[in-house]
Amino acid sequence: MARGESPEMIRASIEETRRELTFSVNDLRSKVTNWRGQLVRNRKAALIGAAVAGFVVGGGVAATVSIISGRR
């Protein structure tokens, strides 16, 4: 607590912080809960990303197995 601040000033500061947090939480909630809509709007990009990720993971698994088994 800063010196010289009255209890009323501290309460006002707390209330302002509370309002800002409420706004931020509501904004974040609307963005997070709308992931299905974002997926529908960006279906092509999501499918391409999933395919690339699968290819990379599959190649990594295959490379790891070949290293472990001693095949080249």
PDB file of N, CA and C in Angstrom:
ATOM      1  N   MET A   1       0.844  -1.168   0.000  1.00  0.00           N
ATOM      2  CA  MET A   1       0.000   0.000   0.000  1.00  0.00           C
ATOM      3  C   MET A   1       0.896   1.239   0.000  1.00  0.00           C
ATOM      4  N   ALA A   2       0.622   2.158  -0.888  1.00  0.00           N
ATOM      5  CA  ALA A   2       1.414   3.377  -0.972  1.00  0.00           C
ATOM      6  C   ALA A   2       1.043   4.310   0.168  1.00  0.00           C
ATOM      7  N   ARG A   3       2.041   5.004   0.667  1.00  0.00           N
ATOM      8  CA  ARG A   3       1.778   5.945   1.767  1.00  0.00           C
ATOM      9  C   ARG A   3       1.007   7.150   1.235  1.00  0.00           C
ATOM     10  N   GLY A   4       0.115   7.631   2.032  1.00  0.00           N
ATOM     11  CA  GLY A   4      -0.637   8.812   1.659  1.00  0.00           C
ATOM     12  C   GLY A   4      -1.940   8.501   0.936  1.00  0.00           C
ATOM     13  N   GLU A   5      -2.172   7.263   0.596  1.00  0.00           N
ATOM     14  CA  GLU A   5      -3.431   6.917  -0.065  1.00  0.00           C
ATOM     15  C   GLU A   5      -4.493   6.675   0.995  1.00  0.00           C
ATOM     16  N   SER A   6      -5.617   7.306   0.781  1.00  0.00           N
ATOM     17  CA  SER A   6      -6.708   7.127   1.727  1.00  0.00           C
ATOM     18  C   SER A   6      -7.422   5.803   1.430  1.00  0.00           C
ATOM     19  N   PRO A   7      -8.150   5.272   2.394  1.00  0.00           N
ATOM     20  CA  PRO A   7      -8.909   4.049   2.155  1.00  0.00           C
ATOM     21  C   PRO A   7      -9.885   4.182   0.976  1.00  0.00           C
ATOM     22  N   GLU A   8     -10.437   5.391   0.793  1.00  0.00           N
ATOM     23  CA  GLU A   8     -11.355   5.600  -0.322  1.00  0.00           C
ATOM     24  C   GLU A   8     -10.634   5.483  -1.662  1.00  0.00           C
ATOM     25  N   MET A   9      -9.402   6.006  -1.729  1.00  0.00           N
ATOM     26  CA  MET A   9      -8.622   5.909  -2.962  1.00  0.00           C
ATOM     27  C   MET A   9      -8.259   4.460  -3.263  1.00  0.00           C
ATOM     28  N   ILE A  10      -7.919   3.724  -2.227  1.00  0.00           N
ATOM     29  CA  ILE A  10      -7.574   2.312  -2.398  1.00  0.00           C
ATOM     30  C   ILE A  10      -8.799   1.537  -2.876  1.00  0.00           C
ATOM     31  N   ARG A  11      -9.958   1.793  -2.272  1.00  0.00           N
ATOM     32  CA  ARG A  11     -11.196   1.130  -2.700  1.00  0.00           C
ATOM     33  C   ARG A  11     -11.519   1.448  -4.157  1.00  0.00           C
ATOM     34  N   ALA A  12     -11.350   2.717  -4.534  1.00  0.00           N
ATOM     35  CA  ALA A  12     -11.620   3.119  -5.922  1.00  0.00           C
ATOM     36  C   ALA A  12     -10.677   2.404  -6.884  1.00  0.00           C
ATOM     37  N   SER A  13      -9.420   2.288  -6.477  1.00  0.00           N
ATOM     38  CA  SER A  13      -8.444   1.587  -7.311  1.00  0.00           C
ATOM     39  C   SER A  13      -8.808   0.109  -7.453  1.00  0.00           C
ATOM     40  N   ILE A  14      -9.237  -0.495  -6.377  1.00  0.00           N
ATOM     41  CA  ILE A  14      -9.644  -1.910  -6.404  1.00  0.00           C
ATOM     42  C   ILE A  14     -10.857  -2.088  -7.314  1.00  0.00           C
ATOM     43  N   GLU A  15     -11.822  -1.191  -7.213  1.00  0.00           N
ATOM     44  CA  GLU A  15     -13.019  -1.278  -8.058  1.00  0.00           C
ATOM     45  C   GLU A  15     -12.674  -1.116  -9.536  1.00  0.00           C
ATOM     46  N   GLU A  16     -11.770  -0.197  -9.854  1.00  0.00           N
ATOM     47  CA  GLU A  16     -11.347  -0.002 -11.245  1.00  0.00           C
ATOM     48  C   GLU A  16     -10.643  -1.257 -11.770  1.00  0.00           C
ATOM     49  N   THR A  17      -9.783  -1.829 -10.957  1.00  0.00           N
ATOM     50  CA  THR A  17      -9.097  -3.065 -11.346  1.00  0.00           C
ATOM     51  C   THR A  17     -10.100  -4.193 -11.551  1.00  0.00           C
ATOM     52  N   ARG A  18     -11.084  -4.263 -10.691  1.00  0.00           N
ATOM     53  CA  ARG A  18     -12.126  -5.286 -10.808  1.00  0.00           C
ATOM     54  C   ARG A  18     -12.898  -5.132 -12.114  1.00  0.00           C
ATOM     55  N   ARG A  19     -13.244  -3.896 -12.476  1.00  0.00           N
ATOM     56  CA  ARG A  19     -13.953  -3.656 -13.749  1.00  0.00           C
ATOM     57  C   ARG A  19     -13.097  -4.066 -14.938  1.00  0.00           C
ATOM     58  N   GLU A  20     -11.805  -3.710 -14.895  1.00  0.00           N
ATOM     59  CA  GLU A  20     -10.901  -4.076 -15.993  1.00  0.00           C
ATOM     60  C   GLU A  20     -10.762  -5.591 -16.112  1.00  0.00           C
ATOM     61  N   LEU A  21     -10.644  -6.268 -14.987  1.00  0.00           N
ATOM     62  CA  LEU A  21     -10.539  -7.733 -15.001  1.00  0.00           C
ATOM     63  C   LEU A  21     -11.809  -8.378 -15.537  1.00  0.00           C
ATOM     64  N   THR A  22     -12.948  -7.851 -15.150  1.00  0.00           N
ATOM     65  CA  THR A  22     -14.220  -8.381 -15.642  1.00  0.00           C
ATOM     66  C   THR A  22     -14.294  -8.268 -17.156  1.00  0.00           C
ATOM     67  N   PHE A  23     -13.898  -7.111 -17.687  1.00  0.00           N
ATOM     68  CA  PHE A  23     -13.895  -6.918 -19.134  1.00  0.00           C
ATOM     69  C   PHE A  23     -12.944  -7.907 -19.805  1.00  0.00           C
ATOM     70  N   SER A  24     -11.742  -8.047 -19.258  1.00  0.00           N
ATOM     71  CA  SER A  24     -10.744  -8.944 -19.855  1.00  0.00           C
ATOM     72  C   SER A  24     -11.202 -10.400 -19.827  1.00  0.00           C
ATOM     73  N   VAL A  25     -11.778 -10.826 -18.726  1.00  0.00           N
ATOM     74  CA  VAL A  25     -12.259 -12.209 -18.620  1.00  0.00           C
ATOM     75  C   VAL A  25     -13.387 -12.458 -19.612  1.00  0.00           C
ATOM     76  N   ASN A  26     -14.314 -11.528 -19.723  1.00  0.00           N
ATOM     77  CA  ASN A  26     -15.418 -11.693 -20.672  1.00  0.00           C
ATOM     78  C   ASN A  26     -14.918 -11.715 -22.107  1.00  0.00           C
ATOM     79  N   ASP A  27     -13.946 -10.873 -22.427  1.00  0.00           N
ATOM     80  CA  ASP A  27     -13.367 -10.856 -23.774  1.00  0.00           C
ATOM     81  C   ASP A  27     -12.679 -12.183 -24.074  1.00  0.00           C
ATOM     82  N   LEU A  28     -11.899 -12.666 -23.138  1.00  0.00           N
ATOM     83  CA  LEU A  28     -11.211 -13.943 -23.325  1.00  0.00           C
ATOM     84  C   LEU A  28     -12.204 -15.090 -23.441  1.00  0.00           C
ATOM     85  N   ARG A  29     -13.234 -15.064 -22.621  1.00  0.00           N
ATOM     86  CA  ARG A  29     -14.249 -16.120 -22.665  1.00  0.00           C
ATOM     87  C   ARG A  29     -14.919 -16.177 -24.039  1.00  0.00           C
ATOM     88  N   SER A  30     -15.216 -15.029 -24.613  1.00  0.00           N
ATOM     89  CA  SER A  30     -15.872 -15.025 -25.927  1.00  0.00           C
ATOM     90  C   SER A  30     -14.941 -15.560 -27.006  1.00  0.00           C
ATOM     91  N   LYS A  31     -13.662 -15.315 -26.880  1.00  0.00           N
ATOM     92  CA  LYS A  31     -12.708 -15.828 -27.868  1.00  0.00           C
ATOM     93  C   LYS A  31     -12.495 -17.322 -27.723  1.00  0.00           C
ATOM     94  N   VAL A  32     -12.415 -17.807 -26.495  1.00  0.00           N
ATOM     95  CA  VAL A  32     -12.139 -19.219 -26.253  1.00  0.00           C
ATOM     96  C   VAL A  32     -13.358 -20.086 -26.556  1.00  0.00           C
ATOM     97  N   THR A  33     -14.526 -19.632 -26.189  1.00  0.00           N
ATOM     98  CA  THR A  33     -15.718 -20.461 -26.386  1.00  0.00           C
ATOM     99  C   THR A  33     -16.180 -20.474 -27.828  1.00  0.00           C
ATOM    100  N   ASN A  34     -15.608 -19.613 -28.664  1.00  0.00           N
ATOM    101  CA  ASN A  34     -16.011 -19.576 -30.062  1.00  0.00           C
ATOM    102  C   ASN A  34     -15.019 -20.327 -30.956  1.00  0.00           C
ATOM    103  N   TRP A  35     -14.289 -21.290 -30.408  1.00  0.00           N
ATOM    104  CA  TRP A  35     -13.290 -22.003 -31.206  1.00  0.00           C
ATOM    105  C   TRP A  35     -13.931 -22.832 -32.308  1.00  0.00           C
ATOM    106  N   ARG A  36     -15.135 -23.324 -32.076  1.00  0.00           N
ATOM    107  CA  ARG A  36     -15.803 -24.116 -33.114  1.00  0.00           C
ATOM    108  C   ARG A  36     -16.119 -23.257 -34.337  1.00  0.00           C
ATOM    109  N   GLY A  37     -16.593 -22.049 -34.086  1.00  0.00           N
ATOM    110  CA  GLY A  37     -16.884 -21.138 -35.183  1.00  0.00           C
ATOM    111  C   GLY A  37     -15.627 -20.775 -35.954  1.00  0.00           C
ATOM    112  N   GLN A  38     -14.530 -20.573 -35.238  1.00  0.00           N
ATOM    113  CA  GLN A  38     -13.264 -20.265 -35.896  1.00  0.00           C
ATOM    114  C   GLN A  38     -12.796 -21.448 -36.729  1.00  0.00           C
ATOM    115  N   LEU A  39     -12.987 -22.653 -36.223  1.00  0.00           N
ATOM    116  CA  LEU A  39     -12.603 -23.851 -36.965  1.00  0.00           C
ATOM    117  C   LEU A  39     -13.425 -23.994 -38.236  1.00  0.00           C
ATOM    118  N   VAL A  40     -14.713 -23.724 -38.152  1.00  0.00           N
ATOM    119  CA  VAL A  40     -15.574 -23.814 -39.326  1.00  0.00           C
ATOM    120  C   VAL A  40     -15.152 -22.780 -40.370  1.00  0.00           C
ATOM    121  N   ARG A  41     -14.859 -21.568 -39.926  1.00  0.00           N
ATOM    122  CA  ARG A  41     -14.464 -20.512 -40.862  1.00  0.00           C
ATOM    123  C   ARG A  41     -13.101 -20.782 -41.496  1.00  0.00           C
ATOM    124  N   ASN A  42     -12.249 -21.493 -40.795  1.00  0.00           N
ATOM    125  CA  ASN A  42     -10.887 -21.744 -41.278  1.00  0.00           C
ATOM    126  C   ASN A  42     -10.639 -23.233 -41.494  1.00  0.00           C
ATOM    127  N   ARG A  43     -11.650 -23.930 -41.973  1.00  0.00           N
ATOM    128  CA  ARG A  43     -11.574 -25.388 -42.122  1.00  0.00           C
ATOM    129  C   ARG A  43     -10.400 -25.812 -43.005  1.00  0.00           C
ATOM    130  N   LYS A  44     -10.218 -25.163 -44.139  1.00  0.00           N
ATOM    131  CA  LYS A  44      -9.160 -25.561 -45.069  1.00  0.00           C
ATOM    132  C   LYS A  44      -7.781 -25.435 -44.408  1.00  0.00           C
ATOM    133  N   ALA A  45      -7.530 -24.324 -43.761  1.00  0.00           N
ATOM    134  CA  ALA A  45      -6.241 -24.117 -43.099  1.00  0.00           C
ATOM    135  C   ALA A  45      -6.044 -25.123 -41.971  1.00  0.00           C
ATOM    136  N   ALA A  46      -7.104 -25.433 -41.233  1.00  0.00           N
ATOM    137  CA  ALA A  46      -7.000 -26.400 -40.143  1.00  0.00           C
ATOM    138  C   ALA A  46      -6.682 -27.792 -40.684  1.00  0.00           C
ATOM    139  N   LEU A  47      -7.316 -28.178 -41.783  1.00  0.00           N
ATOM    140  CA  LEU A  47      -7.040 -29.489 -42.377  1.00  0.00           C
ATOM    141  C   LEU A  47      -5.614 -29.575 -42.910  1.00  0.00           C
ATOM    142  N   ILE A  48      -5.156 -28.521 -43.550  1.00  0.00           N
ATOM    143  CA  ILE A  48      -3.779 -28.510 -44.052  1.00  0.00           C
ATOM    144  C   ILE A  48      -2.796 -28.595 -42.882  1.00  0.00           C
ATOM    145  N   GLY A  49      -3.053 -27.833 -41.847  1.00  0.00           N
ATOM    146  CA  GLY A  49      -2.191 -27.871 -40.663  1.00  0.00           C
ATOM    147  C   GLY A  49      -2.169 -29.241 -40.010  1.00  0.00           C
ATOM    148  N   ALA A  50      -3.326 -29.877 -39.921  1.00  0.00           N
ATOM    149  CA  ALA A  50      -3.391 -31.214 -39.330  1.00  0.00           C
ATOM    150  C   ALA A  50      -2.638 -32.223 -40.184  1.00  0.00           C
ATOM    151  N   ALA A  51      -2.758 -32.107 -41.510  1.00  0.00           N
ATOM    152  CA  ALA A  51      -2.061 -33.025 -42.407  1.00  0.00           C
ATOM    153  C   ALA A  51      -0.544 -32.851 -42.289  1.00  0.00           C
ATOM    154  N   VAL A  52      -0.093 -31.614 -42.251  1.00  0.00           N
ATOM    155  CA  VAL A  52       1.349 -31.356 -42.114  1.00  0.00           C
ATOM    156  C   VAL A  52       1.853 -31.872 -40.774  1.00  0.00           C
ATOM    157  N   ALA A  53       1.105 -31.610 -39.711  1.00  0.00           N
ATOM    158  CA  ALA A  53       1.509 -32.095 -38.385  1.00  0.00           C
ATOM    159  C   ALA A  53       1.569 -33.614 -38.361  1.00  0.00           C
ATOM    160  N   GLY A  54       0.596 -34.280 -38.961  1.00  0.00           N
ATOM    161  CA  GLY A  54       0.607 -35.739 -39.025  1.00  0.00           C
ATOM    162  C   GLY A  54       1.788 -36.269 -39.808  1.00  0.00           C
ATOM    163  N   PHE A  55       2.107 -35.609 -40.910  1.00  0.00           N
ATOM    164  CA  PHE A  55       3.251 -36.013 -41.730  1.00  0.00           C
ATOM    165  C   PHE A  55       4.549 -35.873 -40.939  1.00  0.00           C
ATOM    166  N   VAL A  56       4.712 -34.755 -40.247  1.00  0.00           N
ATOM    167  CA  VAL A  56       5.930 -34.510 -39.471  1.00  0.00           C
ATOM    168  C   VAL A  56       6.042 -35.503 -38.316  1.00  0.00           C
ATOM    169  N   VAL A  57       4.954 -35.703 -37.587  1.00  0.00           N
ATOM    170  CA  VAL A  57       4.986 -36.642 -36.465  1.00  0.00           C
ATOM    171  C   VAL A  57       5.242 -38.062 -36.970  1.00  0.00           C
ATOM    172  N   GLY A  58       4.568 -38.448 -38.052  1.00  0.00           N
ATOM    173  CA  GLY A  58       4.777 -39.782 -38.614  1.00  0.00           C
ATOM    174  C   GLY A  58       6.206 -39.985 -39.069  1.00  0.00           C
ATOM    175  N   GLY A  59       6.783 -38.983 -39.709  1.00  0.00           N
ATOM    176  CA  GLY A  59       8.180 -39.080 -40.138  1.00  0.00           C
ATOM    177  C   GLY A  59       9.121 -39.153 -38.961  1.00  0.00           C
ATOM    178  N   GLY A  60       8.827 -38.422 -37.919  1.00  0.00           N
ATOM    179  CA  GLY A  60       9.654 -38.467 -36.710  1.00  0.00           C
ATOM    180  C   GLY A  60       9.598 -39.820 -36.043  1.00  0.00           C
ATOM    181  N   VAL A  61       8.414 -40.410 -36.001  1.00  0.00           N
ATOM    182  CA  VAL A  61       8.268 -41.746 -35.405  1.00  0.00           C
ATOM    183  C   VAL A  61       9.022 -42.763 -36.245  1.00  0.00           C
ATOM    184  N   ALA A  62       8.868 -42.681 -37.565  1.00  0.00           N
ATOM    185  CA  ALA A  62       9.560 -43.626 -38.449  1.00  0.00           C
ATOM    186  C   ALA A  62      11.063 -43.479 -38.318  1.00  0.00           C
ATOM    187  N   ALA A  63      11.564 -42.267 -38.244  1.00  0.00           N
ATOM    188  CA  ALA A  63      13.000 -42.047 -38.101  1.00  0.00           C
ATOM    189  C   ALA A  63      13.503 -42.584 -36.775  1.00  0.00           C
ATOM    190  N   THR A  64      12.742 -42.363 -35.717  1.00  0.00           N
ATOM    191  CA  THR A  64      13.139 -42.853 -34.404  1.00  0.00           C
ATOM    192  C   THR A  64      13.186 -44.372 -34.374  1.00  0.00           C
ATOM    193  N   VAL A  65      12.200 -45.010 -34.957  1.00  0.00           N
ATOM    194  CA  VAL A  65      12.170 -46.478 -34.996  1.00  0.00           C
ATOM    195  C   VAL A  65      13.345 -47.007 -35.804  1.00  0.00           C
ATOM    196  N   SER A  66      13.661 -46.372 -36.909  1.00  0.00           N
ATOM    197  CA  SER A  66      14.787 -46.836 -37.732  1.00  0.00           C
ATOM    198  C   SER A  66      16.109 -46.657 -37.010  1.00  0.00           C
ATOM    199  N   ILE A  67      16.246 -45.604 -36.237  1.00  0.00           N
ATOM    200  CA  ILE A  67      17.478 -45.386 -35.468  1.00  0.00           C
ATOM    201  C   ILE A  67      17.596 -46.425 -34.369  1.00  0.00           C
ATOM    202  N   ILE A  68      16.491 -46.685 -33.688  1.00  0.00           N
ATOM    203  CA  ILE A  68      16.509 -47.654 -32.580  1.00  0.00           C
ATOM    204  C   ILE A  68      16.780 -49.062 -33.099  1.00  0.00           C
ATOM    205  N   SER A  69      16.174 -49.405 -34.222  1.00  0.00           N
ATOM    206  CA  SER A  69      16.329 -50.764 -34.743  1.00  0.00           C
ATOM    207  C   SER A  69      17.630 -50.935 -35.528  1.00  0.00           C
ATOM    208  N   GLY A  70      18.336 -49.845 -35.787  1.00  0.00           N
ATOM    209  CA  GLY A  70      19.610 -49.924 -36.479  1.00  0.00           C
ATOM    210  C   GLY A  70      19.481 -49.985 -37.990  1.00  0.00           C
ATOM    211  N   ARG A  71      18.312 -49.775 -38.534  1.00  0.00           N
ATOM    212  CA  ARG A  71      18.122 -49.772 -39.987  1.00  0.00           C
ATOM    213  C   ARG A  71      18.468 -48.413 -40.558  1.00  0.00           C
ATOM    214  N   ARG A  72      18.887 -48.414 -41.783  1.00  0.00           N
ATOM    215  CA  ARG A  72      19.162 -47.134 -42.468  1.00  0.00           C
ATOM    216  C   ARG A  72      18.575 -47.140 -43.805  1.00  0.00           C
TER     217      ARG A  72
END
